[in-house]
C-alpha atoms as a PDB file:
ATOM      1  CA  MET A   1      -9.012  34.817 -21.065  1.00  0.00           C
ATOM      2  CA  GLU A   2      -7.022  32.453 -23.182  1.00  0.00           C
ATOM      3  CA  SER A   3      -7.965  31.036 -26.555  1.00  0.00           C
ATOM      4  CA  GLN A   4      -5.521  28.787 -29.039  1.00  0.00           C
ATOM      5  CA  PRO A   5      -5.360  30.590 -32.340  1.00  0.00           C
ATOM      6  CA  ASN A   6      -5.367  28.994 -35.876  1.00  0.00           C
ATOM      7  CA  HIS A   7      -2.077  28.050 -36.944  1.00  0.00           C
ATOM      8  CA  PRO A   8      -0.366  27.435 -40.275  1.00  0.00           C
ATOM      9  CA  GLN A   9      -0.596  23.965 -41.834  1.00  0.00           C
ATOM     10  CA  ALA A  10       2.959  23.162 -41.206  1.00  0.00           C
ATOM     11  CA  ILE A  11       2.390  23.110 -37.331  1.00  0.00           C
ATOM     12  CA  GLY A  12       1.341  19.907 -35.918  1.00  0.00           C
ATOM     13  CA  GLN A  13      -0.896  19.434 -33.013  1.00  0.00           C
ATOM     14  CA  LEU A  14      -0.675  17.524 -29.550  1.00  0.00           C
ATOM     15  CA  PHE A  15      -3.775  15.082 -29.113  1.00  0.00           C
ATOM     16  CA  VAL A  16      -4.254  13.977 -25.618  1.00  0.00           C
ATOM     17  CA  VAL A  17      -5.901  10.682 -25.868  1.00  0.00           C
ATOM     18  CA  ALA A  18      -7.658   8.799 -23.282  1.00  0.00           C
ATOM     19  CA  THR A  19      -7.064   5.012 -23.514  1.00  0.00           C
ATOM     20  CA  PRO A  20      -9.059   2.121 -21.813  1.00  0.00           C
ATOM     21  CA  ILE A  21      -8.498   1.763 -17.828  1.00  0.00           C
ATOM     22  CA  GLY A  22      -8.951  -2.158 -18.285  1.00  0.00           C
ATOM     23  CA  ASN A  23     -11.318  -3.458 -20.860  1.00  0.00           C
ATOM     24  CA  LEU A  24      -9.664  -2.964 -24.037  1.00  0.00           C
ATOM     25  CA  GLY A  25     -13.155  -2.265 -25.913  1.00  0.00           C
ATOM     26  CA  ASP A  26     -13.542   0.861 -23.968  1.00  0.00           C
ATOM     27  CA  ILE A  27     -11.852   3.094 -26.686  1.00  0.00           C
ATOM     28  CA  SER A  28     -13.495   5.480 -29.157  1.00  0.00           C
ATOM     29  CA  TYR A  29     -13.401   5.253 -32.798  1.00  0.00           C
ATOM     30  CA  ARG A  30     -11.856   8.586 -32.719  1.00  0.00           C
ATOM     31  CA  ALA A  31      -8.999   7.851 -30.464  1.00  0.00           C
ATOM     32  CA  VAL A  32      -7.959   4.698 -32.750  1.00  0.00           C
ATOM     33  CA  GLU A  33      -7.882   6.590 -35.617  1.00  0.00           C
ATOM     34  CA  THR A  34      -6.004   9.342 -33.954  1.00  0.00           C
ATOM     35  CA  LEU A  35      -3.232   6.848 -32.556  1.00  0.00           C
ATOM     36  CA  LYS A  36      -3.074   5.593 -36.329  1.00  0.00           C
ATOM     37  CA  ASN A  37      -2.744   8.762 -37.928  1.00  0.00           C
ATOM     38  CA  VAL A  38      -0.186  10.597 -35.937  1.00  0.00           C
ATOM     39  CA  ASP A  39       3.485  10.677 -36.661  1.00  0.00           C
ATOM     40  CA  VAL A  40       4.484   9.543 -32.997  1.00  0.00           C
ATOM     41  CA  ILE A  41       2.824   8.623 -29.987  1.00  0.00           C
ATOM     42  CA  ALA A  42       4.276   9.569 -26.549  1.00  0.00           C
ATOM     43  CA  ALA A  43       3.567   6.933 -23.981  1.00  0.00           C
ATOM     44  CA  GLU A  44       4.130   6.888 -20.100  1.00  0.00           C
ATOM     45  CA  ASP A  45       5.223   3.117 -20.554  1.00  0.00           C
ATOM     46  CA  THR A  46       5.974   2.100 -24.043  1.00  0.00           C
ATOM     47  CA  ARG A  47       5.806  -1.602 -22.875  1.00  0.00           C
ATOM     48  CA  THR A  48       2.406  -1.267 -21.402  1.00  0.00           C
ATOM     49  CA  SER A  49       0.877   0.634 -24.342  1.00  0.00           C
ATOM     50  CA  LEU A  50       2.261  -1.773 -26.834  1.00  0.00           C
ATOM     51  CA  THR A  51      -0.585  -4.222 -25.643  1.00  0.00           C
ATOM     52  CA  LEU A  52      -3.348  -1.824 -26.689  1.00  0.00           C
ATOM     53  CA  LEU A  53      -1.613  -0.813 -30.062  1.00  0.00           C
ATOM     54  CA  ARG A  54      -1.231  -4.480 -31.351  1.00  0.00           C
ATOM     55  CA  HIS A  55      -4.834  -5.052 -30.174  1.00  0.00           C
ATOM     56  CA  TYR A  56      -6.018  -2.375 -32.610  1.00  0.00           C
ATOM     57  CA  GLY A  57      -3.292  -2.840 -35.172  1.00  0.00           C
ATOM     58  CA  ILE A  58      -1.698   0.456 -34.489  1.00  0.00           C
ATOM     59  CA  ASP A  59       1.936   0.585 -35.760  1.00  0.00           C
ATOM     60  CA  THR A  60       2.790   4.171 -35.075  1.00  0.00           C
ATOM     61  CA  PRO A  61       6.195   4.566 -33.473  1.00  0.00           C
ATOM     62  CA  MET A  62       6.124   5.544 -29.678  1.00  0.00           C
ATOM     63  CA  LEU A  63       8.651   7.346 -27.461  1.00  0.00           C
ATOM     64  CA  ALA A  64       8.614   7.419 -23.598  1.00  0.00           C
ATOM     65  CA  LEU A  65       7.293  10.434 -21.709  1.00  0.00           C
ATOM     66  CA  HIS A  66       7.180  10.198 -18.273  1.00  0.00           C
ATOM     67  CA  GLU A  67       7.387  11.856 -14.812  1.00  0.00           C
ATOM     68  CA  HIS A  68      11.344  11.474 -14.656  1.00  0.00           C
ATOM     69  CA  ASN A  69      12.093  12.788 -18.439  1.00  0.00           C
ATOM     70  CA  GLU A  70       9.054  15.078 -19.019  1.00  0.00           C
ATOM     71  CA  ALA A  71      10.988  18.323 -18.219  1.00  0.00           C
ATOM     72  CA  ALA A  72      13.701  17.374 -20.705  1.00  0.00           C
ATOM     73  CA  MET A  73      11.504  16.311 -23.437  1.00  0.00           C
ATOM     74  CA  LEU A  74       9.846  19.631 -23.824  1.00  0.00           C
ATOM     75  CA  GLU A  75      12.031  21.324 -26.226  1.00  0.00           C
ATOM     76  CA  LYS A  76      12.363  18.184 -28.429  1.00  0.00           C
ATOM     77  CA  LEU A  77       8.581  17.766 -28.663  1.00  0.00           C
ATOM     78  CA  GLN A  78       8.140  21.129 -29.644  1.00  0.00           C
ATOM     79  CA  ALA A  79      10.543  21.155 -32.248  1.00  0.00           C
ATOM     80  CA  ARG A  80       8.854  18.093 -33.634  1.00  0.00           C
ATOM     81  CA  LEU A  81       5.546  20.019 -33.636  1.00  0.00           C
ATOM     82  CA  GLU A  82       6.948  22.961 -35.127  1.00  0.00           C
ATOM     83  CA  SER A  83       8.312  21.055 -37.992  1.00  0.00           C
ATOM     84  CA  GLY A  84       4.768  19.527 -38.895  1.00  0.00           C
ATOM     85  CA  ASP A  85       4.570  16.424 -36.952  1.00  0.00           C
ATOM     86  CA  SER A  86       1.728  15.605 -34.792  1.00  0.00           C
ATOM     87  CA  ILE A  87       1.837  13.795 -31.677  1.00  0.00           C
ATOM     88  CA  ALA A  88      -0.627  11.879 -29.526  1.00  0.00           C
ATOM     89  CA  LEU A  89      -0.013  11.798 -25.535  1.00  0.00           C
ATOM     90  CA  ILE A  90      -1.129   8.699 -23.628  1.00  0.00           C
ATOM     91  CA  SER A  91      -0.745   7.168 -20.335  1.00  0.00           C
ATOM     92  CA  ASP A  92      -0.810   3.735 -19.145  1.00  0.00           C
ATOM     93  CA  ALA A  93      -4.428   3.863 -18.768  1.00  0.00           C
ATOM     94  CA  GLY A  94      -7.338   6.187 -18.787  1.00  0.00           C
ATOM     95  CA  THR A  95      -7.092   9.988 -19.545  1.00  0.00           C
ATOM     96  CA  PRO A  96      -3.754  11.588 -19.276  1.00  0.00           C
ATOM     97  CA  LEU A  97      -2.744  14.244 -16.842  1.00  0.00           C
ATOM     98  CA  ILE A  98      -5.218  12.866 -14.273  1.00  0.00           C
ATOM     99  CA  SER A  99      -2.525  11.777 -11.551  1.00  0.00           C
ATOM    100  CA  ASP A 100      -0.211  11.047 -14.526  1.00  0.00           C
ATOM    101  CA  PRO A 101       2.545  12.857 -16.278  1.00  0.00           C
ATOM    102  CA  GLY A 102       1.912  15.286 -19.083  1.00  0.00           C
ATOM    103  CA  TYR A 103       0.824  18.707 -17.161  1.00  0.00           C
ATOM    104  CA  ARG A 104       4.239  20.497 -18.102  1.00  0.00           C
ATOM    105  CA  LEU A 105       4.092  19.556 -21.603  1.00  0.00           C
ATOM    106  CA  VAL A 106       0.553  20.598 -22.261  1.00  0.00           C
ATOM    107  CA  ARG A 107       1.073  23.905 -20.603  1.00  0.00           C
ATOM    108  CA  HIS A 108       4.474  24.572 -22.168  1.00  0.00           C
ATOM    109  CA  LEU A 109       2.744  23.991 -25.666  1.00  0.00           C
ATOM    110  CA  ARG A 110      -0.118  26.141 -25.027  1.00  0.00           C
ATOM    111  CA  GLN A 111       2.171  28.755 -23.895  1.00  0.00           C
ATOM    112  CA  GLN A 112       4.068  28.331 -27.155  1.00  0.00           C
ATOM    113  CA  GLY A 113       0.643  28.690 -29.231  1.00  0.00           C
ATOM    114  CA  ILE A 114       0.721  25.363 -30.300  1.00  0.00           C
ATOM    115  CA  ARG A 115      -2.726  23.563 -30.193  1.00  0.00           C
ATOM    116  CA  VAL A 116      -3.612  20.885 -27.714  1.00  0.00           C
ATOM    117  CA  VAL A 117      -6.628  18.738 -28.693  1.00  0.00           C
ATOM    118  CA  PRO A 118      -8.249  16.645 -26.213  1.00  0.00           C
ATOM    119  CA  ILE A 119      -9.713  13.117 -27.100  1.00  0.00           C
ATOM    120  CA  PRO A 120     -11.787  12.158 -24.381  1.00  0.00           C
ATOM    121  CA  GLY A 121     -12.561   8.633 -23.010  1.00  0.00           C
ATOM    122  CA  ALA A 122     -12.201   6.247 -20.282  1.00  0.00           C
ATOM    123  CA  SER A 123     -11.287   7.647 -16.647  1.00  0.00           C
ATOM    124  CA  SER A 124     -11.259   5.665 -13.507  1.00  0.00           C
ATOM    125  CA  ILE A 125     -12.823   8.458 -11.122  1.00  0.00           C
ATOM    126  CA  MET A 126     -15.773   8.846 -13.480  1.00  0.00           C
ATOM    127  CA  THR A 127     -16.353   5.152 -14.026  1.00  0.00           C
ATOM    128  CA  ALA A 128     -16.149   4.679  -9.969  1.00  0.00           C
ATOM    129  CA  LEU A 129     -18.123   7.598  -9.341  1.00  0.00           C
ATOM    130  CA  CYS A 130     -21.111   6.983 -11.717  1.00  0.00           C
ATOM    131  CA  ALA A 131     -21.632   3.633 -10.218  1.00  0.00           C
ATOM    132  CA  ALA A 132     -21.020   4.343  -6.395  1.00  0.00           C
ATOM    133  CA  GLY A 133     -24.335   5.540  -5.455  1.00  0.00           C
ATOM    134  CA  LEU A 134     -22.868   8.510  -3.764  1.00  0.00           C
ATOM    135  CA  THR A 135     -24.097  12.179  -4.688  1.00  0.00           C
ATOM    136  CA  THR A 136     -22.378  13.385  -7.812  1.00  0.00           C
ATOM    137  CA  ASP A 137     -23.658  17.131  -8.201  1.00  0.00           C
ATOM    138  CA  HIS A 138     -20.574  18.037  -6.369  1.00  0.00           C
ATOM    139  CA  PHE A 139     -17.330  16.075  -5.959  1.00  0.00           C
ATOM    140  CA  ARG A 140     -13.796  16.669  -5.370  1.00  0.00           C
ATOM    141  CA  PHE A 141     -10.802  14.588  -6.747  1.00  0.00           C
ATOM    142  CA  ALA A 142      -7.915  14.324  -3.928  1.00  0.00           C
ATOM    143  CA  GLY A 143      -5.538  11.993  -5.993  1.00  0.00           C
ATOM    144  CA  PHE A 144      -3.261   9.818  -4.307  1.00  0.00           C
ATOM    145  CA  LEU A 145      -2.831  11.063  -0.628  1.00  0.00           C
ATOM    146  CA  PRO A 146       0.422  11.964   0.852  1.00  0.00           C
ATOM    147  CA  ARG A 147       2.277   8.831   2.382  1.00  0.00           C
ATOM    148  CA  SER A 148       2.914  10.228   5.844  1.00  0.00           C
ATOM    149  CA  GLY A 149       3.490  13.317   8.062  1.00  0.00           C
ATOM    150  CA  LYS A 150       1.552  16.335   8.713  1.00  0.00           C
ATOM    151  CA  SER A 151       0.472  16.792   4.914  1.00  0.00           C
ATOM    152  CA  ARG A 152      -1.116  13.399   4.792  1.00  0.00           C
ATOM    153  CA  GLU A 153      -3.012  14.290   8.338  1.00  0.00           C
ATOM    154  CA  GLN A 154      -4.068  17.412   6.712  1.00  0.00           C
ATOM    155  CA  ALA A 155      -5.538  15.604   3.541  1.00  0.00           C
ATOM    156  CA  ILE A 156      -7.160  13.117   5.734  1.00  0.00           C
ATOM    157  CA  LYS A 157      -8.972  16.069   7.857  1.00  0.00           C
ATOM    158  CA  ARG A 158      -9.991  17.981   4.496  1.00  0.00           C
ATOM    159  CA  THR A 159     -11.525  14.708   3.389  1.00  0.00           C
ATOM    160  CA  ALA A 160     -13.403  14.365   6.709  1.00  0.00           C
ATOM    161  CA  SER A 161     -14.764  17.717   6.652  1.00  0.00           C
ATOM    162  CA  SER A 162     -15.609  17.920   2.875  1.00  0.00           C
ATOM    163  CA  ASP A 163     -19.103  18.783   2.083  1.00  0.00           C
ATOM    164  CA  GLU A 164     -18.604  17.223  -1.216  1.00  0.00           C
ATOM    165  CA  THR A 165     -18.062  13.518  -2.332  1.00  0.00           C
ATOM    166  CA  SER A 166     -14.281  12.828  -2.079  1.00  0.00           C
ATOM    167  CA  ILE A 167     -12.441  10.512  -4.697  1.00  0.00           C
ATOM    168  CA  ILE A 168      -9.172   9.153  -3.524  1.00  0.00           C
ATOM    169  CA  LEU A 169      -6.835   6.797  -5.792  1.00  0.00           C
ATOM    170  CA  GLU A 170      -5.095   4.333  -3.750  1.00  0.00           C
ATOM    171  CA  SER A 171      -2.976   1.350  -3.842  1.00  0.00           C
ATOM    172  CA  PRO A 172      -3.768  -2.213  -2.493  1.00  0.00           C
ATOM    173  CA  ARG A 173      -0.839  -2.249   0.015  1.00  0.00           C
ATOM    174  CA  ARG A 174      -2.127   1.126   1.615  1.00  0.00           C
ATOM    175  CA  LEU A 175      -5.872   0.887   1.425  1.00  0.00           C
ATOM    176  CA  LEU A 176      -6.177  -0.523   4.867  1.00  0.00           C
ATOM    177  CA  ALA A 177      -3.968   2.183   6.424  1.00  0.00           C
ATOM    178  CA  THR A 178      -5.916   4.854   4.642  1.00  0.00           C
ATOM    179  CA  LEU A 179      -9.230   3.575   5.824  1.00  0.00           C
ATOM    180  CA  GLN A 180      -7.911   3.255   9.309  1.00  0.00           C
ATOM    181  CA  ASP A 181      -6.846   6.891   9.113  1.00  0.00           C
ATOM    182  CA  LEU A 182     -10.165   7.948   7.729  1.00  0.00           C
ATOM    183  CA  GLN A 183     -11.867   6.124  10.593  1.00  0.00           C
ATOM    184  CA  THR A 184     -10.464   8.261  13.281  1.00  0.00           C
ATOM    185  CA  HIS A 185     -11.954  11.429  11.885  1.00  0.00           C
ATOM    186  CA  LEU A 186     -15.073  10.190  10.220  1.00  0.00           C
ATOM    187  CA  ASP A 187     -18.542   9.975  11.818  1.00  0.00           C
ATOM    188  CA  PRO A 188     -19.329   6.129  12.389  1.00  0.00           C
ATOM    189  CA  ALA A 189     -22.040   6.213  10.173  1.00  0.00           C
ATOM    190  CA  ARG A 190     -20.233   8.093   7.121  1.00  0.00           C
ATOM    191  CA  GLU A 191     -20.479   5.900   3.843  1.00  0.00           C
ATOM    192  CA  LEU A 192     -17.292   4.932   1.841  1.00  0.00           C
ATOM    193  CA  VAL A 193     -17.207   3.134  -1.305  1.00  0.00           C
ATOM    194  CA  VAL A 194     -14.321   1.057  -2.808  1.00  0.00           C
ATOM    195  CA  ALA A 195     -14.185   0.390  -6.503  1.00  0.00           C
ATOM    196  CA  ARG A 196     -11.452  -1.718  -7.687  1.00  0.00           C
ATOM    197  CA  GLU A 197     -10.533  -3.596 -10.906  1.00  0.00           C
ATOM    198  CA  LEU A 198     -12.882  -1.199 -12.873  1.00  0.00           C
ATOM    199  CA  THR A 199     -14.182  -2.731 -16.306  1.00  0.00           C
ATOM    200  CA  LYS A 200     -12.184  -5.962 -15.490  1.00  0.00           C
ATOM    201  CA  LEU A 201     -13.457  -9.726 -15.118  1.00  0.00           C
ATOM    202  CA  HIS A 202     -13.019  -9.189 -11.354  1.00  0.00           C
ATOM    203  CA  GLU A 203     -14.778  -5.482 -11.153  1.00  0.00           C
ATOM    204  CA  GLU A 204     -16.087  -4.948  -7.492  1.00  0.00           C
ATOM    205  CA  PHE A 205     -17.744  -2.161  -5.499  1.00  0.00           C
ATOM    206  CA  VAL A 206     -17.687  -2.391  -1.578  1.00  0.00           C
ATOM    207  CA  SER A 207     -19.593   0.021   0.258  1.00  0.00           C
ATOM    208  CA  GLY A 208     -20.089   0.536   4.036  1.00  0.00           C
ATOM    209  CA  THR A 209     -18.794   2.372   6.741  1.00  0.00           C
ATOM    210  CA  ALA A 210     -15.118   2.612   7.717  1.00  0.00           C
ATOM    211  CA  VAL A 211     -15.406  -0.296  10.312  1.00  0.00           C
ATOM    212  CA  ASP A 212     -17.167  -2.578   7.532  1.00  0.00           C
ATOM    213  CA  LEU A 213     -14.631  -1.707   4.965  1.00  0.00           C
ATOM    214  CA  ILE A 214     -11.803  -2.447   7.452  1.00  0.00           C
ATOM    215  CA  GLU A 215     -13.183  -5.550   8.425  1.00  0.00           C
ATOM    216  CA  HIS A 216     -13.893  -6.607   4.738  1.00  0.00           C
ATOM    217  CA  PHE A 217     -10.693  -6.057   3.534  1.00  0.00           C
ATOM    218  CA  ASN A 218      -8.872  -7.789   6.386  1.00  0.00           C
ATOM    219  CA  THR A 219     -10.589 -10.891   5.470  1.00  0.00           C
ATOM    220  CA  HIS A 220     -10.190 -10.198   1.670  1.00  0.00           C
ATOM    221  CA  ALA A 221      -6.963  -9.047   0.613  1.00  0.00           C
ATOM    222  CA  PRO A 222      -7.566  -5.872  -1.759  1.00  0.00           C
ATOM    223  CA  ARG A 223      -6.031  -6.120  -5.311  1.00  0.00           C
ATOM    224  CA  GLY A 224      -5.788  -4.282  -8.295  1.00  0.00           C
ATOM    225  CA  GLU A 225      -6.377  -0.381  -8.863  1.00  0.00           C
ATOM    226  CA  ILE A 226      -8.545   1.216  -6.253  1.00  0.00           C
ATOM    227  CA  VAL A 227     -10.754   4.224  -6.172  1.00  0.00           C
ATOM    228  CA  LEU A 228     -11.837   5.223  -2.705  1.00  0.00           C
ATOM    229  CA  MET A 229     -14.822   7.404  -2.242  1.00  0.00           C
ATOM    230  CA  VAL A 230     -16.028   9.115   0.585  1.00  0.00           C
ATOM    231  CA  ALA A 231     -19.670  10.276   1.075  1.00  0.00           C
ATOM    232  CA  ALA A 232     -19.934  14.141   1.765  1.00  0.00           C
ATOM    233  CA  ALA A 233     -20.120  15.232   5.298  1.00  0.00           C
ATOM    234  CA  GLY A 234     -23.733  15.785   6.365  1.00  0.00           C
ATOM    235  CA  ASP A 235     -25.233  14.628   3.282  1.00  0.00           C
ATOM    236  CA  GLU A 236     -28.482  13.172   4.369  1.00  0.00           C
ATOM    237  CA  ALA A 237     -29.568  12.791   0.580  1.00  0.00           C
ATOM    238  CA  VAL A 238     -27.572   9.314   0.649  1.00  0.00           C
ATOM    239  CA  GLU A 239     -29.779   6.582   1.950  1.00  0.00           C
ATOM    240  CA  LEU A 240     -28.266   3.173   2.795  1.00  0.00           C
ATOM    241  CA  SER A 241     -29.696   0.433   1.006  1.00  0.00           C
ATOM    242  CA  ASP A 242     -31.207  -2.708   2.469  1.00  0.00           C
ATOM    243  CA  GLN A 243     -28.059  -4.372   1.124  1.00  0.00           C
ATOM    244  CA  GLN A 244     -25.672  -2.149   3.044  1.00  0.00           C
ATOM    245  CA  VAL A 245     -27.811  -2.688   6.295  1.00  0.00           C
ATOM    246  CA  ILE A 246     -27.639  -6.380   5.806  1.00  0.00           C
ATOM    247  CA  ALA A 247     -24.049  -6.197   4.996  1.00  0.00           C
ATOM    248  CA  CYS A 248     -23.200  -4.701   8.522  1.00  0.00           C
ATOM    249  CA  LEU A 249     -25.854  -7.198  10.166  1.00  0.00           C
ATOM    250  CA  ALA A 250     -23.434  -9.854   8.748  1.00  0.00           C
ATOM    251  CA  SER A 251     -20.005  -8.797   9.886  1.00  0.00           C
ATOM    252  CA  ALA A 252     -18.574 -11.057  12.519  1.00  0.00           C
ATOM    253  CA  ALA A 253     -18.996  -8.730  15.429  1.00  0.00           C
ATOM    254  CA  MET A 254     -22.574  -8.043  14.657  1.00  0.00           C
ATOM    255  CA  GLN A 255     -23.185 -11.859  14.224  1.00  0.00           C
ATOM    256  CA  ALA A 256     -21.946 -12.425  17.725  1.00  0.00           C
ATOM    257  CA  LEU A 257     -24.684 -10.621  19.342  1.00  0.00           C
ATOM    258  CA  PRO A 258     -28.222 -11.692  20.175  1.00  0.00           C
ATOM    259  CA  PRO A 259     -30.911 -10.147  17.788  1.00  0.00           C
ATOM    260  CA  SER A 260     -32.115  -7.366  20.079  1.00  0.00           C
ATOM    261  CA  ALA A 261     -28.484  -6.334  20.677  1.00  0.00           C
ATOM    262  CA  ARG A 262     -27.441  -6.518  17.078  1.00  0.00           C
ATOM    263  CA  ALA A 263     -30.502  -4.559  15.784  1.00  0.00           C
ATOM    264  CA  LYS A 264     -29.351  -1.670  18.419  1.00  0.00           C
ATOM    265  CA  ALA A 265     -25.986  -1.932  17.248  1.00  0.00           C
ATOM    266  CA  VAL A 266     -26.390  -1.841  13.662  1.00  0.00           C
ATOM    267  CA  ALA A 267     -29.004   1.073  14.384  1.00  0.00           C
ATOM    268  CA  ASN A 268     -26.507   3.124  16.199  1.00  0.00           C
ATOM    269  CA  THR A 269     -23.763   2.551  13.859  1.00  0.00           C
ATOM    270  CA  LEU A 270     -25.548   3.282  10.447  1.00  0.00           C
ATOM    271  CA  ASP A 271     -27.789   6.113  12.354  1.00  0.00           C
ATOM    272  CA  ILE A 272     -31.114   4.232  10.956  1.00  0.00           C
ATOM    273  CA  PRO A 273     -34.341   3.364  12.649  1.00  0.00           C
ATOM    274  CA  ARG A 274     -34.154   0.327  14.856  1.00  0.00           C
ATOM    275  CA  ALA A 275     -37.389  -0.660  13.340  1.00  0.00           C
ATOM    276  CA  ARG A 276     -35.747  -0.915   9.958  1.00  0.00           C
ATOM    277  CA  VAL A 277     -33.040  -3.204  11.134  1.00  0.00           C
ATOM    278  CA  TYR A 278     -35.616  -5.613  13.005  1.00  0.00           C
ATOM    279  CA  ALA A 279     -37.595  -5.925   9.835  1.00  0.00           C
ATOM    280  CA  LEU A 280     -34.499  -7.082   7.725  1.00  0.00           C
ATOM    281  CA  ILE A 281     -33.369  -9.372  10.485  1.00  0.00           C
ATOM    282  CA  ASN A 282     -36.919 -11.053  10.641  1.00  0.00           C
ATOM    283  CA  SER A 283     -37.265 -11.100   6.754  1.00  0.00           C
ATOM    284  CA  GLY A 284     -33.894 -13.071   6.603  1.00  0.00           C
END
């Protein structure tokens, strides 16, 4: 069991500060005060972070800490903390260390007995999950999937077989390829949700089967930061909404069918009673 001891007043602290993922209003009073009062801010990209600091009138000096220089900066930052300086660690957006640099620094400082203080706030994975309509009692964060090879195939298979909601970060350029890879391993009725541009003007949640999402993003090019969520395997607690059924009915492939065949096809695809689909067709 590990604990962080009390330190002499001369020893500084590292504050791990969450910043907004889009909307600049999504930052806590405590985070702003911390960023104003520390001696220096270690930022993943100082140019990106400058917009946030200017917005809140924060003139604390910054230095760059990113994946390419993190190892080389450990001793330098430790020396500053031991001399009494306090440092805030921020990433480009959201909570630091979550698929972002900082792990090496935090681990190193804790091993040296220097206090690391989390300042909680925005996180894209929590923001996406809480509004996706998928089960939240158990979930797994997969981060960015490997881009190719056996490791990618294994990651896709783990997601397909997981009995927990899976959360994946993805880029607009690779979203369709990931959906297509998932489609080959998922049950046809398995629900997926794509959340993009979270907290921004064009925030969007798109849900449906892999086929639905592939069709949607083939005609609506994905943009912005993306969180892709996959329902747990065999999760019968997740019930498709009428809107999701209607979305499937409205797909180009389904619209080409006569009503009876369309109801049957949608019912088979989503694994729901045909009578429910008929009722939605007739109500439209």
